Amino acid sequence: MHRMIPTTIRPMRPTDVAEATAAILDAGWGDRREFFD
């Protein structure tokens, strides 16, 4: 039986910037690092 992994929505922290930037880059949305910073 599959375990459902919950999704949490929370405020972005500066420590999230690198991961969020990488996810958007991988999807072809461009580099948002300076904006997220």
Full PDB file with SEQRES, HELIX, SHEET, SSBOND, CRYST1, ORIGX, SCALE, CONECT and MASTER records, all heavy atoms in Angstrom:
SEQRES   1 A   37  MET HIS ARG MET ILE PRO THR THR ILE ARG PRO MET ARG          
SEQRES   2 A   37  PRO THR ASP VAL ALA GLU ALA THR ALA ALA ILE LEU ASP          
SEQRES   3 A   37  ALA GLY TRP GLY ASP ARG ARG GLU PHE PHE ASP                  
HELIX    1 AA1 PRO A   14  ASP A   16  5                                   3    
HELIX    2 AA2 VAL A   17  ASP A   26  1                                  10    
HELIX    3 AA3 ARG A   33  PHE A   36  1                                   4    
CRYST1    1.000    1.000    1.000  90.00  90.00  90.00 P 1           1          
ORIGX1      1.000000  0.000000  0.000000        0.00000                         
ORIGX2      0.000000  1.000000  0.000000        0.00000                         
ORIGX3      0.000000  0.000000  1.000000        0.00000                         
SCALE1      1.000000  0.000000  0.000000        0.00000                         
SCALE2      0.000000  1.000000  0.000000        0.00000                         
SCALE3      0.000000  0.000000  1.000000        0.00000                         
ATOM      1  N   MET A   1       0.851  -1.202   0.000  1.00  0.00           N  
ATOM      2  CA  MET A   1       0.000   0.000   0.000  1.00  0.00           C  
ATOM      3  C   MET A   1       0.886   1.251   0.000  1.00  0.00           C  
ATOM      4  O   MET A   1       1.831   1.348   0.788  1.00  0.00           O  
ATOM      5  CB  MET A   1      -0.913  -0.030   1.237  1.00  0.00           C  
ATOM      6  CG  MET A   1      -1.918   1.099   1.268  1.00  0.00           C  
ATOM      7  SD  MET A   1      -3.055   0.905   2.665  1.00  0.00           S  
ATOM      8  CE  MET A   1      -4.101   2.305   2.364  1.00  0.00           C  
ATOM      9  N   HIS A   2       0.589   2.212  -0.900  1.00  0.00           N  
ATOM     10  CA  HIS A   2       1.390   3.424  -1.013  1.00  0.00           C  
ATOM     11  C   HIS A   2       1.169   4.327   0.195  1.00  0.00           C  
ATOM     12  O   HIS A   2       0.056   4.541   0.631  1.00  0.00           O  
ATOM     13  CB  HIS A   2       0.998   4.218  -2.255  1.00  0.00           C  
ATOM     14  CG  HIS A   2       1.887   3.922  -3.423  1.00  0.00           C  
ATOM     15  ND1 HIS A   2       3.219   3.710  -3.280  1.00  0.00           N  
ATOM     16  CD2 HIS A   2       1.603   3.832  -4.748  1.00  0.00           C  
ATOM     17  CE1 HIS A   2       3.750   3.497  -4.479  1.00  0.00           C  
ATOM     18  NE2 HIS A   2       2.777   3.552  -5.386  1.00  0.00           N  
ATOM     19  N   ARG A   3       2.234   4.893   0.735  1.00  0.00           N  
ATOM     20  CA  ARG A   3       2.130   5.880   1.792  1.00  0.00           C  
ATOM     21  C   ARG A   3       2.016   7.252   1.137  1.00  0.00           C  
ATOM     22  O   ARG A   3       2.869   7.643   0.343  1.00  0.00           O  
ATOM     23  CB  ARG A   3       3.374   5.832   2.687  1.00  0.00           C  
ATOM     24  CG  ARG A   3       3.378   6.880   3.798  1.00  0.00           C  
ATOM     25  CD  ARG A   3       4.578   6.670   4.697  1.00  0.00           C  
ATOM     26  NE  ARG A   3       5.819   6.999   4.029  1.00  0.00           N  
ATOM     27  CZ  ARG A   3       6.384   8.216   4.044  1.00  0.00           C  
ATOM     28  NH1 ARG A   3       5.779   9.204   4.675  1.00  0.00           N  
ATOM     29  NH2 ARG A   3       7.532   8.429   3.409  1.00  0.00           N  
ATOM     30  N   MET A   4       0.936   7.969   1.450  1.00  0.00           N  
ATOM     31  CA  MET A   4       0.746   9.314   0.898  1.00  0.00           C  
ATOM     32  C   MET A   4       1.690  10.277   1.602  1.00  0.00           C  
ATOM     33  O   MET A   4       1.693  10.364   2.828  1.00  0.00           O  
ATOM     34  CB  MET A   4      -0.701   9.772   1.091  1.00  0.00           C  
ATOM     35  CG  MET A   4      -1.712   8.971   0.292  1.00  0.00           C  
ATOM     36  SD  MET A   4      -1.469   9.169  -1.503  1.00  0.00           S  
ATOM     37  CE  MET A   4      -1.909  10.877  -1.694  1.00  0.00           C  
ATOM     38  N   ILE A   5       2.507  10.962   0.835  1.00  0.00           N  
ATOM     39  CA  ILE A   5       3.451  11.921   1.406  1.00  0.00           C  
ATOM     40  C   ILE A   5       2.793  13.291   1.393  1.00  0.00           C  
ATOM     41  O   ILE A   5       2.417  13.798   0.330  1.00  0.00           O  
ATOM     42  CB  ILE A   5       4.756  11.954   0.608  1.00  0.00           C  
ATOM     43  CG1 ILE A   5       5.392  10.568   0.589  1.00  0.00           C  
ATOM     44  CG2 ILE A   5       5.728  12.982   1.199  1.00  0.00           C  
ATOM     45  CD1 ILE A   5       6.614  10.473  -0.293  1.00  0.00           C  
ATOM     46  N   PRO A   6       2.598  13.902   2.564  1.00  0.00           N  
ATOM     47  CA  PRO A   6       1.899  15.190   2.604  1.00  0.00           C  
ATOM     48  C   PRO A   6       2.731  16.305   1.985  1.00  0.00           C  
ATOM     49  O   PRO A   6       3.964  16.259   1.966  1.00  0.00           O  
ATOM     50  CB  PRO A   6       1.695  15.432   4.102  1.00  0.00           C  
ATOM     51  CG  PRO A   6       2.801  14.670   4.761  1.00  0.00           C  
ATOM     52  CD  PRO A   6       3.031  13.457   3.897  1.00  0.00           C  
ATOM     53  N   THR A   7       2.015  17.305   1.456  1.00  0.00           N  
ATOM     54  CA  THR A   7       2.651  18.510   0.912  1.00  0.00           C  
ATOM     55  C   THR A   7       2.409  19.662   1.873  1.00  0.00           C  
ATOM     56  O   THR A   7       1.277  19.885   2.313  1.00  0.00           O  
ATOM     57  CB  THR A   7       2.077  18.848  -0.470  1.00  0.00           C  
ATOM     58  OG1 THR A   7       2.328  17.769  -1.363  1.00  0.00           O  
ATOM     59  CG2 THR A   7       2.714  20.113  -1.024  1.00  0.00           C  
ATOM     60  N   THR A   8       3.455  20.386   2.176  1.00  0.00           N  
ATOM     61  CA  THR A   8       3.374  21.532   3.067  1.00  0.00           C  
ATOM     62  C   THR A   8       3.664  22.807   2.284  1.00  0.00           C  
ATOM     63  O   THR A   8       4.610  22.854   1.495  1.00  0.00           O  
ATOM     64  CB  THR A   8       4.397  21.407   4.217  1.00  0.00           C  
ATOM     65  OG1 THR A   8       4.139  20.214   4.948  1.00  0.00           O  
ATOM     66  CG2 THR A   8       4.328  22.603   5.152  1.00  0.00           C  
ATOM     67  N   ILE A   9       2.839  23.827   2.480  1.00  0.00           N  
ATOM     68  CA  ILE A   9       3.108  25.143   1.913  1.00  0.00           C  
ATOM     69  C   ILE A   9       3.491  26.065   3.065  1.00  0.00           C  
ATOM     70  O   ILE A   9       2.753  26.187   4.044  1.00  0.00           O  
ATOM     71  CB  ILE A   9       1.891  25.691   1.153  1.00  0.00           C  
ATOM     72  CG1 ILE A   9       1.574  24.802  -0.052  1.00  0.00           C  
ATOM     73  CG2 ILE A   9       2.155  27.128   0.690  1.00  0.00           C  
ATOM     74  CD1 ILE A   9       0.345  25.223  -0.834  1.00  0.00           C  
ATOM     75  N   ARG A  10       4.647  26.676   2.941  1.00  0.00           N  
ATOM     76  CA  ARG A  10       5.181  27.514   4.018  1.00  0.00           C  
ATOM     77  C   ARG A  10       5.942  28.700   3.420  1.00  0.00           C  
ATOM     78  O   ARG A  10       6.252  28.717   2.223  1.00  0.00           O  
ATOM     79  CB  ARG A  10       6.127  26.689   4.903  1.00  0.00           C  
ATOM     80  CG  ARG A  10       7.297  26.082   4.141  1.00  0.00           C  
ATOM     81  CD  ARG A  10       8.367  25.563   5.078  1.00  0.00           C  
ATOM     82  NE  ARG A  10       9.457  24.901   4.351  1.00  0.00           N  
ATOM     83  CZ  ARG A  10      10.443  25.546   3.731  1.00  0.00           C  
ATOM     84  NH1 ARG A  10      10.470  26.877   3.721  1.00  0.00           N  
ATOM     85  NH2 ARG A  10      11.410  24.868   3.111  1.00  0.00           N  
ATOM     86  N   PRO A  11       6.269  29.706   4.250  1.00  0.00           N  
ATOM     87  CA  PRO A  11       7.046  30.831   3.736  1.00  0.00           C  
ATOM     88  C   PRO A  11       8.409  30.393   3.194  1.00  0.00           C  
ATOM     89  O   PRO A  11       9.053  29.502   3.753  1.00  0.00           O  
ATOM     90  CB  PRO A  11       7.208  31.739   4.960  1.00  0.00           C  
ATOM     91  CG  PRO A  11       6.045  31.392   5.835  1.00  0.00           C  
ATOM     92  CD  PRO A  11       5.814  29.928   5.643  1.00  0.00           C  
ATOM     93  N   MET A  12       8.815  31.020   2.100  1.00  0.00           N  
ATOM     94  CA  MET A  12      10.155  30.759   1.553  1.00  0.00           C  
ATOM     95  C   MET A  12      11.207  31.396   2.446  1.00  0.00           C  
ATOM     96  O   MET A  12      11.063  32.529   2.896  1.00  0.00           O  
ATOM     97  CB  MET A  12      10.253  31.332   0.135  1.00  0.00           C  
ATOM     98  CG  MET A  12      11.626  31.141  -0.512  1.00  0.00           C  
ATOM     99  SD  MET A  12      11.784  32.019  -2.107  1.00  0.00           S  
ATOM    100  CE  MET A  12      10.747  31.016  -3.168  1.00  0.00           C  
ATOM    101  N   ARG A  13      12.274  30.654   2.690  1.00  0.00           N  
ATOM    102  CA  ARG A  13      13.414  31.154   3.449  1.00  0.00           C  
ATOM    103  C   ARG A  13      14.604  31.347   2.503  1.00  0.00           C  
ATOM    104  O   ARG A  13      14.669  30.696   1.453  1.00  0.00           O  
ATOM    105  CB  ARG A  13      13.776  30.190   4.565  1.00  0.00           C  
ATOM    106  CG  ARG A  13      12.663  29.940   5.574  1.00  0.00           C  
ATOM    107  CD  ARG A  13      13.144  29.043   6.689  1.00  0.00           C  
ATOM    108  NE  ARG A  13      13.311  27.653   6.257  1.00  0.00           N  
ATOM    109  CZ  ARG A  13      12.460  26.671   6.503  1.00  0.00           C  
ATOM    110  NH1 ARG A  13      11.338  26.930   7.174  1.00  0.00           N  
ATOM    111  NH2 ARG A  13      12.708  25.438   6.096  1.00  0.00           N  
ATOM    112  N   PRO A  14      15.562  32.193   2.870  1.00  0.00           N  
ATOM    113  CA  PRO A  14      16.755  32.340   2.024  1.00  0.00           C  
ATOM    114  C   PRO A  14      17.453  31.015   1.740  1.00  0.00           C  
ATOM    115  O   PRO A  14      18.034  30.840   0.665  1.00  0.00           O  
ATOM    116  CB  PRO A  14      17.645  33.286   2.832  1.00  0.00           C  
ATOM    117  CG  PRO A  14      16.670  34.125   3.613  1.00  0.00           C  
ATOM    118  CD  PRO A  14      15.559  33.172   3.985  1.00  0.00           C  
ATOM    119  N   THR A  15      17.359  30.081   2.665  1.00  0.00           N  
ATOM    120  CA  THR A  15      17.990  28.778   2.456  1.00  0.00           C  
ATOM    121  C   THR A  15      17.261  27.927   1.415  1.00  0.00           C  
ATOM    122  O   THR A  15      17.790  26.909   0.980  1.00  0.00           O  
ATOM    123  CB  THR A  15      18.066  27.999   3.782  1.00  0.00           C  
ATOM    124  OG1 THR A  15      16.753  27.972   4.381  1.00  0.00           O  
ATOM    125  CG2 THR A  15      19.038  28.662   4.746  1.00  0.00           C  
ATOM    126  N   ASP A  16      16.058  28.349   0.995  1.00  0.00           N  
ATOM    127  CA  ASP A  16      15.305  27.623  -0.039  1.00  0.00           C  
ATOM    128  C   ASP A  16      15.663  28.086  -1.447  1.00  0.00           C  
ATOM    129  O   ASP A  16      15.272  27.448  -2.427  1.00  0.00           O  
ATOM    130  CB  ASP A  16      13.790  27.833   0.142  1.00  0.00           C  
ATOM    131  CG  ASP A  16      13.261  27.284   1.449  1.00  0.00           C  
ATOM    132  OD1 ASP A  16      13.644  26.163   1.812  1.00  0.00           O  
ATOM    133  OD2 ASP A  16      12.462  28.001   2.098  1.00  0.00           O  
ATOM    134  N   VAL A  17      16.377  29.204  -1.566  1.00  0.00           N  
ATOM    135  CA  VAL A  17      16.565  29.842  -2.865  1.00  0.00           C  
ATOM    136  C   VAL A  17      17.259  28.925  -3.865  1.00  0.00           C  
ATOM    137  O   VAL A  17      16.836  28.798  -5.017  1.00  0.00           O  
ATOM    138  CB  VAL A  17      17.329  31.170  -2.712  1.00  0.00           C  
ATOM    139  CG1 VAL A  17      17.808  31.688  -4.068  1.00  0.00           C  
ATOM    140  CG2 VAL A  17      16.450  32.207  -2.029  1.00  0.00           C  
ATOM    141  N   ALA A  18      18.335  28.267  -3.437  1.00  0.00           N  
ATOM    142  CA  ALA A  18      19.089  27.427  -4.373  1.00  0.00           C  
ATOM    143  C   ALA A  18      18.218  26.289  -4.907  1.00  0.00           C  
ATOM    144  O   ALA A  18      18.218  26.007  -6.120  1.00  0.00           O  
ATOM    145  CB  ALA A  18      20.333  26.856  -3.691  1.00  0.00           C  
ATOM    146  N   GLU A  19      17.447  25.657  -4.041  1.00  0.00           N  
ATOM    147  CA  GLU A  19      16.619  24.523  -4.470  1.00  0.00           C  
ATOM    148  C   GLU A  19      15.467  24.994  -5.364  1.00  0.00           C  
ATOM    149  O   GLU A  19      15.158  24.360  -6.382  1.00  0.00           O  
ATOM    150  CB  GLU A  19      16.082  23.778  -3.253  1.00  0.00           C  
ATOM    151  CG  GLU A  19      15.425  22.459  -3.598  1.00  0.00           C  
ATOM    152  CD  GLU A  19      15.005  21.660  -2.367  1.00  0.00           C  
ATOM    153  OE1 GLU A  19      15.280  22.106  -1.236  1.00  0.00           O  
ATOM    154  OE2 GLU A  19      14.384  20.591  -2.564  1.00  0.00           O  
ATOM    155  N   ALA A  20      14.826  26.103  -4.985  1.00  0.00           N  
ATOM    156  CA  ALA A  20      13.734  26.638  -5.804  1.00  0.00           C  
ATOM    157  C   ALA A  20      14.251  27.074  -7.171  1.00  0.00           C  
ATOM    158  O   ALA A  20      13.613  26.826  -8.203  1.00  0.00           O  
ATOM    159  CB  ALA A  20      13.075  27.807  -5.084  1.00  0.00           C  
ATOM    160  N   THR A  21      15.414  27.688  -7.201  1.00  0.00           N  
ATOM    161  CA  THR A  21      16.017  28.111  -8.467  1.00  0.00           C  
ATOM    162  C   THR A  21      16.296  26.916  -9.364  1.00  0.00           C  
ATOM    163  O   THR A  21      16.006  26.947 -10.567  1.00  0.00           O  
ATOM    164  CB  THR A  21      17.329  28.871  -8.193  1.00  0.00           C  
ATOM    165  OG1 THR A  21      17.044  30.038  -7.408  1.00  0.00           O  
ATOM    166  CG2 THR A  21      17.998  29.291  -9.498  1.00  0.00           C  
ATOM    167  N   ALA A  22      16.861  25.856  -8.774  1.00  0.00           N  
ATOM    168  CA  ALA A  22      17.189  24.657  -9.555  1.00  0.00           C  
ATOM    169  C   ALA A  22      15.933  24.007 -10.129  1.00  0.00           C  
ATOM    170  O   ALA A  22      15.925  23.558 -11.281  1.00  0.00           O  
ATOM    171  CB  ALA A  22      17.957  23.665  -8.686  1.00  0.00           C  
ATOM    172  N   ALA A  23      14.856  23.957  -9.342  1.00  0.00           N  
ATOM    173  CA  ALA A  23      13.615  23.340  -9.807  1.00  0.00           C  
ATOM    174  C   ALA A  23      13.050  24.097 -11.008  1.00  0.00           C  
ATOM    175  O   ALA A  23      12.603  23.490 -11.995  1.00  0.00           O  
ATOM    176  CB  ALA A  23      12.595  23.306  -8.671  1.00  0.00           C  
ATOM    177  N   ILE A  24      13.074  25.429 -10.951  1.00  0.00           N  
ATOM    178  CA  ILE A  24      12.539  26.232 -12.042  1.00  0.00           C  
ATOM    179  C   ILE A  24      13.437  26.151 -13.278  1.00  0.00           C  
ATOM    180  O   ILE A  24      12.955  26.078 -14.414  1.00  0.00           O  
ATOM    181  CB  ILE A  24      12.332  27.679 -11.563  1.00  0.00           C  
ATOM    182  CG1 ILE A  24      11.084  27.726 -10.664  1.00  0.00           C  
ATOM    183  CG2 ILE A  24      12.190  28.647 -12.720  1.00  0.00           C  
ATOM    184  CD1 ILE A  24      10.736  29.096 -10.138  1.00  0.00           C  
ATOM    185  N   LEU A  25      14.750  26.136 -13.053  1.00  0.00           N  
ATOM    186  CA  LEU A  25      15.675  25.975 -14.180  1.00  0.00           C  
ATOM    187  C   LEU A  25      15.444  24.647 -14.892  1.00  0.00           C  
ATOM    188  O   LEU A  25      15.431  24.571 -16.125  1.00  0.00           O  
ATOM    189  CB  LEU A  25      17.118  26.055 -13.696  1.00  0.00           C  
ATOM    190  CG  LEU A  25      17.755  27.442 -13.618  1.00  0.00           C  
ATOM    191  CD1 LEU A  25      19.110  27.357 -12.920  1.00  0.00           C  
ATOM    192  CD2 LEU A  25      17.918  28.034 -15.005  1.00  0.00           C  
ATOM    193  N   ASP A  26      15.255  23.581 -14.116  1.00  0.00           N  
ATOM    194  CA  ASP A  26      15.042  22.250 -14.700  1.00  0.00           C  
ATOM    195  C   ASP A  26      13.788  22.218 -15.564  1.00  0.00           C  
ATOM    196  O   ASP A  26      13.713  21.450 -16.535  1.00  0.00           O  
ATOM    197  CB  ASP A  26      14.934  21.189 -13.594  1.00  0.00           C  
ATOM    198  CG  ASP A  26      16.282  20.867 -12.958  1.00  0.00           C  
ATOM    199  OD1 ASP A  26      17.318  21.249 -13.542  1.00  0.00           O  
ATOM    200  OD2 ASP A  26      16.286  20.252 -11.875  1.00  0.00           O  
ATOM    201  N   ALA A  27      12.801  23.041 -15.212  1.00  0.00           N  
ATOM    202  CA  ALA A  27      11.543  23.065 -15.969  1.00  0.00           C  
ATOM    203  C   ALA A  27      11.582  24.045 -17.133  1.00  0.00           C  
ATOM    204  O   ALA A  27      10.580  24.211 -17.839  1.00  0.00           O  
ATOM    205  CB  ALA A  27      10.388  23.406 -15.035  1.00  0.00           C  
ATOM    206  N   GLY A  28      12.721  24.712 -17.335  1.00  0.00           N  
ATOM    207  CA  GLY A  28      12.851  25.613 -18.473  1.00  0.00           C  
ATOM    208  C   GLY A  28      12.260  26.986 -18.264  1.00  0.00           C  
ATOM    209  O   GLY A  28      11.994  27.702 -19.235  1.00  0.00           O  
ATOM    210  N   TRP A  29      12.089  27.404 -17.026  1.00  0.00           N  
ATOM    211  CA  TRP A  29      11.513  28.715 -16.737  1.00  0.00           C  
ATOM    212  C   TRP A  29      12.561  29.810 -16.611  1.00  0.00           C  
ATOM    213  O   TRP A  29      12.227  30.959 -16.368  1.00  0.00           O  
ATOM    214  CB  TRP A  29      10.690  28.654 -15.441  1.00  0.00           C  
ATOM    215  CG  TRP A  29       9.257  28.300 -15.636  1.00  0.00           C  
ATOM    216  CD1 TRP A  29       8.738  27.452 -16.556  1.00  0.00           C  
ATOM    217  CD2 TRP A  29       8.149  28.799 -14.880  1.00  0.00           C  
ATOM    218  NE1 TRP A  29       7.377  27.371 -16.414  1.00  0.00           N  
ATOM    219  CE2 TRP A  29       6.986  28.184 -15.391  1.00  0.00           C  
ATOM    220  CE3 TRP A  29       8.012  29.673 -13.811  1.00  0.00           C  
ATOM    221  CZ2 TRP A  29       5.718  28.433 -14.883  1.00  0.00           C  
ATOM    222  CZ3 TRP A  29       6.752  29.924 -13.299  1.00  0.00           C  
ATOM    223  CH2 TRP A  29       5.617  29.315 -13.838  1.00  0.00           C  
ATOM    224  N   GLY A  30      13.825  29.498 -16.728  1.00  0.00           N  
ATOM    225  CA  GLY A  30      14.865  30.513 -16.618  1.00  0.00           C  
ATOM    226  C   GLY A  30      15.428  30.617 -15.213  1.00  0.00           C  
ATOM    227  O   GLY A  30      14.957  29.974 -14.273  1.00  0.00           O  
ATOM    228  N   ASP A  31      16.457  31.437 -15.076  1.00  0.00           N  
ATOM    229  CA  ASP A  31      17.178  31.581 -13.808  1.00  0.00           C  
ATOM    230  C   ASP A  31      16.508  32.651 -12.952  1.00  0.00           C  
ATOM    231  O   ASP A  31      16.517  33.828 -13.291  1.00  0.00           O  
ATOM    232  CB  ASP A  31      18.637  31.949 -14.089  1.00  0.00           C  
ATOM    233  CG  ASP A  31      19.511  31.865 -12.852  1.00  0.00           C  
ATOM    234  OD1 ASP A  31      18.952  31.797 -11.729  1.00  0.00           O  
ATOM    235  OD2 ASP A  31      20.740  31.874 -12.996  1.00  0.00           O  
ATOM    236  N   ARG A  32      15.928  32.251 -11.828  1.00  0.00           N  
ATOM    237  CA  ARG A  32      15.244  33.183 -10.922  1.00  0.00           C  
ATOM    238  C   ARG A  32      16.044  33.449  -9.632  1.00  0.00           C  
ATOM    239  O   ARG A  32      15.475  33.967  -8.669  1.00  0.00           O  
ATOM    240  CB  ARG A  32      13.864  32.634 -10.543  1.00  0.00           C  
ATOM    241  CG  ARG A  32      12.951  32.272 -11.707  1.00  0.00           C  
ATOM    242  CD  ARG A  32      12.611  33.493 -12.551  1.00  0.00           C  
ATOM    243  NE  ARG A  32      11.835  33.132 -13.730  1.00  0.00           N  
ATOM    244  CZ  ARG A  32      10.503  33.146 -13.775  1.00  0.00           C  
ATOM    245  NH1 ARG A  32       9.809  33.513 -12.724  1.00  0.00           N  
ATOM    246  NH2 ARG A  32       9.885  32.800 -14.891  1.00  0.00           N  
ATOM    247  N   ARG A  33      17.327  33.108  -9.611  1.00  0.00           N  
ATOM    248  CA  ARG A  33      18.076  33.198  -8.350  1.00  0.00           C  
ATOM    249  C   ARG A  33      18.087  34.624  -7.793  1.00  0.00           C  
ATOM    250  O   ARG A  33      17.785  34.828  -6.609  1.00  0.00           O  
ATOM    251  CB  ARG A  33      19.501  32.702  -8.527  1.00  0.00           C  
ATOM    252  CG  ARG A  33      20.335  32.810  -7.234  1.00  0.00           C  
ATOM    253  CD  ARG A  33      21.727  32.276  -7.403  1.00  0.00           C  
ATOM    254  NE  ARG A  33      21.732  30.827  -7.504  1.00  0.00           N  
ATOM    255  CZ  ARG A  33      21.742  30.012  -6.447  1.00  0.00           C  
ATOM    256  NH1 ARG A  33      21.726  30.512  -5.225  1.00  0.00           N  
ATOM    257  NH2 ARG A  33      21.749  28.711  -6.619  1.00  0.00           N  
ATOM    258  N   GLU A  34      18.444  35.620  -8.614  1.00  0.00           N  
ATOM    259  CA  GLU A  34      18.503  36.986  -8.095  1.00  0.00           C  
ATOM    260  C   GLU A  34      17.138  37.443  -7.590  1.00  0.00           C  
ATOM    261  O   GLU A  34      17.036  38.130  -6.566  1.00  0.00           O  
ATOM    262  CB  GLU A  34      19.008  37.944  -9.179  1.00  0.00           C  
ATOM    263  CG  GLU A  34      20.510  37.979  -9.327  1.00  0.00           C  
ATOM    264  CD  GLU A  34      20.963  39.143 -10.189  1.00  0.00           C  
ATOM    265  OE1 GLU A  34      20.670  39.108 -11.398  1.00  0.00           O  
ATOM    266  OE2 GLU A  34      21.594  40.076  -9.652  1.00  0.00           O  
ATOM    267  N   PHE A  35      16.096  37.061  -8.321  1.00  0.00           N  
ATOM    268  CA  PHE A  35      14.745  37.427  -7.903  1.00  0.00           C  
ATOM    269  C   PHE A  35      14.395  36.779  -6.574  1.00  0.00           C  
ATOM    270  O   PHE A  35      13.910  37.449  -5.644  1.00  0.00           O  
ATOM    271  CB  PHE A  35      13.757  37.016  -8.993  1.00  0.00           C  
ATOM    272  CG  PHE A  35      12.320  37.186  -8.606  1.00  0.00           C  
ATOM    273  CD1 PHE A  35      11.803  38.438  -8.335  1.00  0.00           C  
ATOM    274  CD2 PHE A  35      11.480  36.091  -8.507  1.00  0.00           C  
ATOM    275  CE1 PHE A  35      10.468  38.598  -7.975  1.00  0.00           C  
ATOM    276  CE2 PHE A  35      10.156  36.236  -8.150  1.00  0.00           C  
ATOM    277  CZ  PHE A  35       9.640  37.488  -7.876  1.00  0.00           C  
ATOM    278  N   PHE A  36      14.646  35.486  -6.427  1.00  0.00           N  
ATOM    279  CA  PHE A  36      14.351  34.804  -5.170  1.00  0.00           C  
ATOM    280  C   PHE A  36      15.225  35.332  -4.025  1.00  0.00           C  
ATOM    281  O   PHE A  36      14.768  35.429  -2.882  1.00  0.00           O  
ATOM    282  CB  PHE A  36      14.535  33.293  -5.315  1.00  0.00           C  
ATOM    283  CG  PHE A  36      13.417  32.599  -6.047  1.00  0.00           C  
ATOM    284  CD1 PHE A  36      13.669  31.449  -6.781  1.00  0.00           C  
ATOM    285  CD2 PHE A  36      12.119  33.066  -5.995  1.00  0.00           C  
ATOM    286  CE1 PHE A  36      12.650  30.782  -7.450  1.00  0.00           C  
ATOM    287  CE2 PHE A  36      11.086  32.422  -6.669  1.00  0.00           C  
ATOM    288  CZ  PHE A  36      11.351  31.278  -7.396  1.00  0.00           C  
ATOM    289  N   ASP A  37      16.476  35.651  -4.320  1.00  0.00           N  
ATOM    290  CA  ASP A  37      17.333  36.258  -3.297  1.00  0.00           C  
ATOM    291  C   ASP A  37      16.687  37.524  -2.753  1.00  0.00           C  
ATOM    292  O   ASP A  37      16.728  37.792  -1.539  1.00  0.00           O  
ATOM    293  CB  ASP A  37      18.712  36.600  -3.878  1.00  0.00           C  
ATOM    294  CG  ASP A  37      19.646  35.397  -3.949  1.00  0.00           C  
ATOM    295  OD1 ASP A  37      19.431  34.425  -3.206  1.00  0.00           O  
ATOM    296  OD2 ASP A  37      20.592  35.443  -4.752  1.00  0.00           O  
TER     297      ASP A  37                                                      
MASTER        0    0    0    3    0    0    0    6  296    1    0    3          
END                                                                             
